[in-house]
Amino acid sequence: MNATAYELLSAIAKYWFIALALFILARMVLSVTREIRIERQVQAEIGQAGTGINATLVLLSDEDRKIKRGKRYAVQGETTVGRAGRCDVTLRAHSLERVHCILNMERDGMSVVPVGRAFVVVDGQVVQRRATAQEGSEIQMGGLVFRLCLEETNDAE
């Protein structure tokens, strides 16, 4: 083959690679767009269904004594608790992890899921993976102890 044939093949390969990259990028954009649309639909369905249950965590004690006893924190749906500003309930306590646990309202109470190696106790039992807290349960997260108060609402109708 002569030099012009190699130049032609080189140009085809170069533009084929660019076309392939653009095709892959377009597929990724379409896939992400579809995932976002599905996520919005699911969130809308969850919002319409509602659990009909809200909860309040009431602080009973704080080993650092930086947070006032009796302070209330609302829990609705899935709620993250920790020191990080991105958490739904942000608590400035050194004994908490950045994201300490995830609380999820369910029909039979509230599930408590520690994140990573976070120290969580529900009604005197150390939580390894998941526990269900009921009305009046004591929940310890690090050096903070809370009481769970469940409230029925009319959202589920």
C-alpha atoms as a PDB file:
ATOM      1  CA  MET A   1       0.000   0.000   0.000  1.00  0.00           C
ATOM      2  CA  ASN A   2       1.171   3.479  -0.710  1.00  0.00           C
ATOM      3  CA  ALA A   3       1.333   6.544   1.572  1.00  0.00           C
ATOM      4  CA  THR A   4      -2.066   7.954   0.502  1.00  0.00           C
ATOM      5  CA  ALA A   5      -3.796   4.694   1.412  1.00  0.00           C
ATOM      6  CA  TYR A   6      -2.245   4.806   4.890  1.00  0.00           C
ATOM      7  CA  GLU A   7      -3.285   8.453   5.280  1.00  0.00           C
ATOM      8  CA  LEU A   8      -6.839   7.560   4.217  1.00  0.00           C
ATOM      9  CA  LEU A   9      -7.011   4.643   6.684  1.00  0.00           C
ATOM     10  CA  SER A  10      -5.546   6.865   9.418  1.00  0.00           C
ATOM     11  CA  ALA A  11      -8.180   9.559   8.800  1.00  0.00           C
ATOM     12  CA  ILE A  12     -10.991   6.978   8.796  1.00  0.00           C
ATOM     13  CA  ALA A  13      -9.734   5.446  12.049  1.00  0.00           C
ATOM     14  CA  LYS A  14      -9.375   8.875  13.643  1.00  0.00           C
ATOM     15  CA  TYR A  15     -12.912   9.985  12.765  1.00  0.00           C
ATOM     16  CA  TRP A  16     -14.343   6.550  13.527  1.00  0.00           C
ATOM     17  CA  PHE A  17     -12.911   6.807  17.044  1.00  0.00           C
ATOM     18  CA  ILE A  18     -14.431  10.274  17.505  1.00  0.00           C
ATOM     19  CA  ALA A  19     -17.801   9.038  16.183  1.00  0.00           C
ATOM     20  CA  LEU A  20     -17.668   6.055  18.541  1.00  0.00           C
ATOM     21  CA  ALA A  21     -16.838   8.317  21.508  1.00  0.00           C
ATOM     22  CA  LEU A  22     -19.761  10.621  20.640  1.00  0.00           C
ATOM     23  CA  PHE A  23     -22.086   7.623  20.336  1.00  0.00           C
ATOM     24  CA  ILE A  24     -21.034   6.319  23.759  1.00  0.00           C
ATOM     25  CA  LEU A  25     -21.448   9.775  25.286  1.00  0.00           C
ATOM     26  CA  ALA A  26     -24.948  10.128  23.797  1.00  0.00           C
ATOM     27  CA  ARG A  27     -25.925   6.686  25.174  1.00  0.00           C
ATOM     28  CA  MET A  28     -24.648   7.683  28.621  1.00  0.00           C
ATOM     29  CA  VAL A  29     -26.644  10.932  28.583  1.00  0.00           C
ATOM     30  CA  LEU A  30     -29.802   9.080  27.542  1.00  0.00           C
ATOM     31  CA  SER A  31     -29.255   6.456  30.232  1.00  0.00           C
ATOM     32  CA  VAL A  32     -28.731   9.058  32.978  1.00  0.00           C
ATOM     33  CA  THR A  33     -31.778  11.001  31.795  1.00  0.00           C
ATOM     34  CA  ARG A  34     -33.891   7.833  31.924  1.00  0.00           C
ATOM     35  CA  GLU A  35     -32.620   7.001  35.426  1.00  0.00           C
ATOM     36  CA  ILE A  36     -33.448  10.522  36.649  1.00  0.00           C
ATOM     37  CA  ARG A  37     -36.959  10.264  35.191  1.00  0.00           C
ATOM     38  CA  ILE A  38     -37.519   6.877  36.853  1.00  0.00           C
ATOM     39  CA  GLU A  39     -36.190   8.190  40.195  1.00  0.00           C
ATOM     40  CA  ARG A  40     -38.584  11.159  40.033  1.00  0.00           C
ATOM     41  CA  GLN A  41     -41.501   8.831  39.304  1.00  0.00           C
ATOM     42  CA  VAL A  42     -40.593   6.598  42.233  1.00  0.00           C
ATOM     43  CA  GLN A  43     -40.214   9.586  44.571  1.00  0.00           C
ATOM     44  CA  ALA A  44     -43.587  10.934  43.438  1.00  0.00           C
ATOM     45  CA  GLU A  45     -45.226   7.551  44.089  1.00  0.00           C
ATOM     46  CA  ILE A  46     -43.635   7.350  47.527  1.00  0.00           C
ATOM     47  CA  GLY A  47     -44.789  10.878  48.278  1.00  0.00           C
ATOM     48  CA  GLN A  48     -48.345  10.093  47.194  1.00  0.00           C
ATOM     49  CA  ALA A  49     -48.485   6.838  49.156  1.00  0.00           C
ATOM     50  CA  GLY A  50     -46.888   8.216  52.331  1.00  0.00           C
ATOM     51  CA  THR A  51     -46.310   6.064  55.369  1.00  0.00           C
ATOM     52  CA  GLY A  52     -48.845   7.916  57.459  1.00  0.00           C
ATOM     53  CA  ILE A  53     -46.295   7.940  60.278  1.00  0.00           C
ATOM     54  CA  ASN A  54     -44.004  10.681  61.473  1.00  0.00           C
ATOM     55  CA  ALA A  55     -41.706  10.520  64.443  1.00  0.00           C
ATOM     56  CA  THR A  56     -39.847  12.726  66.835  1.00  0.00           C
ATOM     57  CA  LEU A  57     -36.576  11.944  68.555  1.00  0.00           C
ATOM     58  CA  VAL A  58     -36.390  13.613  71.972  1.00  0.00           C
ATOM     59  CA  LEU A  59     -32.885  14.058  73.399  1.00  0.00           C
ATOM     60  CA  LEU A  60     -32.640  12.488  76.865  1.00  0.00           C
ATOM     61  CA  SER A  61     -28.908  12.924  77.462  1.00  0.00           C
ATOM     62  CA  ASP A  62     -25.711  14.159  75.844  1.00  0.00           C
ATOM     63  CA  GLU A  63     -22.367  13.063  77.279  1.00  0.00           C
ATOM     64  CA  ASP A  64     -20.745  16.304  76.041  1.00  0.00           C
ATOM     65  CA  ARG A  65     -23.591  18.415  77.477  1.00  0.00           C
ATOM     66  CA  LYS A  66     -23.533  20.638  74.385  1.00  0.00           C
ATOM     67  CA  ILE A  67     -27.108  19.971  73.281  1.00  0.00           C
ATOM     68  CA  LYS A  68     -30.058  20.892  75.478  1.00  0.00           C
ATOM     69  CA  ARG A  69     -31.992  17.950  76.978  1.00  0.00           C
ATOM     70  CA  GLY A  70     -35.525  17.680  75.626  1.00  0.00           C
ATOM     71  CA  LYS A  71     -34.600  19.038  72.202  1.00  0.00           C
ATOM     72  CA  ARG A  72     -36.764  17.453  69.493  1.00  0.00           C
ATOM     73  CA  TYR A  73     -35.759  16.260  66.033  1.00  0.00           C
ATOM     74  CA  ALA A  74     -38.328  15.386  63.354  1.00  0.00           C
ATOM     75  CA  VAL A  75     -38.034  12.118  61.423  1.00  0.00           C
ATOM     76  CA  GLN A  76     -40.004  11.647  58.203  1.00  0.00           C
ATOM     77  CA  GLY A  77     -39.492   8.869  55.678  1.00  0.00           C
ATOM     78  CA  GLU A  78     -35.777   8.099  55.351  1.00  0.00           C
ATOM     79  CA  THR A  79     -33.651  10.349  57.562  1.00  0.00           C
ATOM     80  CA  THR A  80     -29.870  10.459  57.943  1.00  0.00           C
ATOM     81  CA  VAL A  81     -28.330  11.406  61.286  1.00  0.00           C
ATOM     82  CA  GLY A  82     -24.742  12.508  61.838  1.00  0.00           C
ATOM     83  CA  ARG A  83     -22.253  15.363  62.131  1.00  0.00           C
ATOM     84  CA  ALA A  84     -22.112  16.154  58.395  1.00  0.00           C
ATOM     85  CA  GLY A  85     -24.048  19.127  57.090  1.00  0.00           C
ATOM     86  CA  ARG A  86     -25.592  16.948  54.382  1.00  0.00           C
ATOM     87  CA  CYS A  87     -27.411  14.822  57.000  1.00  0.00           C
ATOM     88  CA  ASP A  88     -31.127  15.428  57.515  1.00  0.00           C
ATOM     89  CA  VAL A  89     -30.494  15.698  61.268  1.00  0.00           C
ATOM     90  CA  THR A  90     -27.114  17.323  61.908  1.00  0.00           C
ATOM     91  CA  LEU A  91     -25.789  17.056  65.462  1.00  0.00           C
ATOM     92  CA  ARG A  92     -22.521  18.624  66.596  1.00  0.00           C
ATOM     93  CA  ALA A  93     -21.355  15.768  68.815  1.00  0.00           C
ATOM     94  CA  HIS A  94     -17.827  14.355  68.698  1.00  0.00           C
ATOM     95  CA  SER A  95     -19.121  10.861  69.465  1.00  0.00           C
ATOM     96  CA  LEU A  96     -21.057  10.728  66.175  1.00  0.00           C
ATOM     97  CA  GLU A  97     -19.705   9.716  62.785  1.00  0.00           C
ATOM     98  CA  ARG A  98     -20.151  12.066  59.830  1.00  0.00           C
ATOM     99  CA  VAL A  99     -23.107   9.931  58.752  1.00  0.00           C
ATOM    100  CA  HIS A 100     -23.916   7.902  61.844  1.00  0.00           C
ATOM    101  CA  CYS A 101     -27.140   6.095  60.995  1.00  0.00           C
ATOM    102  CA  ILE A 102     -30.161   5.988  58.724  1.00  0.00           C
ATOM    103  CA  LEU A 103     -33.657   6.070  60.200  1.00  0.00           C
ATOM    104  CA  ASN A 104     -36.518   4.873  58.043  1.00  0.00           C
ATOM    105  CA  MET A 105     -40.183   5.169  58.971  1.00  0.00           C
ATOM    106  CA  GLU A 106     -42.098   1.943  58.412  1.00  0.00           C
ATOM    107  CA  ARG A 107     -45.554   0.655  59.308  1.00  0.00           C
ATOM    108  CA  ASP A 108     -44.236  -1.405  62.237  1.00  0.00           C
ATOM    109  CA  GLY A 109     -42.036   1.359  63.719  1.00  0.00           C
ATOM    110  CA  MET A 110     -38.766   2.930  62.715  1.00  0.00           C
ATOM    111  CA  SER A 111     -35.824   0.961  61.335  1.00  0.00           C
ATOM    112  CA  VAL A 112     -32.412   2.024  62.607  1.00  0.00           C
ATOM    113  CA  VAL A 113     -29.409   1.186  60.423  1.00  0.00           C
ATOM    114  CA  PRO A 114     -25.903   2.154  61.578  1.00  0.00           C
ATOM    115  CA  VAL A 115     -23.535   3.350  58.854  1.00  0.00           C
ATOM    116  CA  GLY A 116     -20.109   1.727  58.818  1.00  0.00           C
ATOM    117  CA  ARG A 117     -18.859   1.093  62.358  1.00  0.00           C
ATOM    118  CA  ALA A 118     -21.155   3.619  64.042  1.00  0.00           C
ATOM    119  CA  PHE A 119     -22.177   2.786  67.616  1.00  0.00           C
ATOM    120  CA  VAL A 120     -25.970   2.500  67.903  1.00  0.00           C
ATOM    121  CA  VAL A 121     -28.029   0.873  70.688  1.00  0.00           C
ATOM    122  CA  VAL A 122     -31.812   0.359  70.594  1.00  0.00           C
ATOM    123  CA  ASP A 123     -33.493  -0.575  73.878  1.00  0.00           C
ATOM    124  CA  GLY A 124     -30.217  -1.854  75.353  1.00  0.00           C
ATOM    125  CA  GLN A 125     -29.271  -3.986  72.330  1.00  0.00           C
ATOM    126  CA  VAL A 126     -26.243  -3.014  70.232  1.00  0.00           C
ATOM    127  CA  VAL A 127     -27.317  -2.726  66.589  1.00  0.00           C
ATOM    128  CA  GLN A 128     -25.019  -4.499  64.135  1.00  0.00           C
ATOM    129  CA  ARG A 129     -27.035  -4.227  60.915  1.00  0.00           C
ATOM    130  CA  ARG A 130     -30.640  -3.168  61.538  1.00  0.00           C
ATOM    131  CA  ALA A 131     -33.097  -2.835  64.398  1.00  0.00           C
ATOM    132  CA  THR A 132     -36.717  -1.747  64.665  1.00  0.00           C
ATOM    133  CA  ALA A 133     -37.557   0.877  67.282  1.00  0.00           C
ATOM    134  CA  GLN A 134     -41.089   1.237  68.643  1.00  0.00           C
ATOM    135  CA  GLU A 135     -42.972   4.003  70.431  1.00  0.00           C
ATOM    136  CA  GLY A 136     -40.975   4.904  73.573  1.00  0.00           C
ATOM    137  CA  SER A 137     -37.804   3.074  72.518  1.00  0.00           C
ATOM    138  CA  GLU A 138     -34.499   4.473  73.735  1.00  0.00           C
ATOM    139  CA  ILE A 139     -31.996   4.952  70.930  1.00  0.00           C
ATOM    140  CA  GLN A 140     -28.351   5.679  71.696  1.00  0.00           C
ATOM    141  CA  MET A 141     -26.181   7.113  68.944  1.00  0.00           C
ATOM    142  CA  GLY A 142     -22.623   7.577  70.131  1.00  0.00           C
ATOM    143  CA  GLY A 143     -22.903   9.589  73.351  1.00  0.00           C
ATOM    144  CA  LEU A 144     -26.448  10.824  72.679  1.00  0.00           C
ATOM    145  CA  VAL A 145     -29.569   9.079  73.998  1.00  0.00           C
ATOM    146  CA  PHE A 146     -33.013   9.723  72.469  1.00  0.00           C
ATOM    147  CA  ARG A 147     -36.583   8.558  73.098  1.00  0.00           C
ATOM    148  CA  LEU A 148     -38.729   7.759  70.043  1.00  0.00           C
ATOM    149  CA  CYS A 149     -42.213   9.265  69.832  1.00  0.00           C
ATOM    150  CA  LEU A 150     -44.352   8.018  66.920  1.00  0.00           C
ATOM    151  CA  GLU A 151     -47.265  10.062  65.577  1.00  0.00           C
ATOM    152  CA  GLU A 152     -50.000   8.786  63.280  1.00  0.00           C
ATOM    153  CA  THR A 153     -51.064  11.198  60.543  1.00  0.00           C
ATOM    154  CA  ASN A 154     -53.742  11.146  57.870  1.00  0.00           C
ATOM    155  CA  ASP A 155     -51.251  11.103  54.949  1.00  0.00           C
ATOM    156  CA  ALA A 156     -51.963   7.456  54.090  1.00  0.00           C
ATOM    157  CA  GLU A 157     -55.609   8.042  53.171  1.00  0.00           C
END
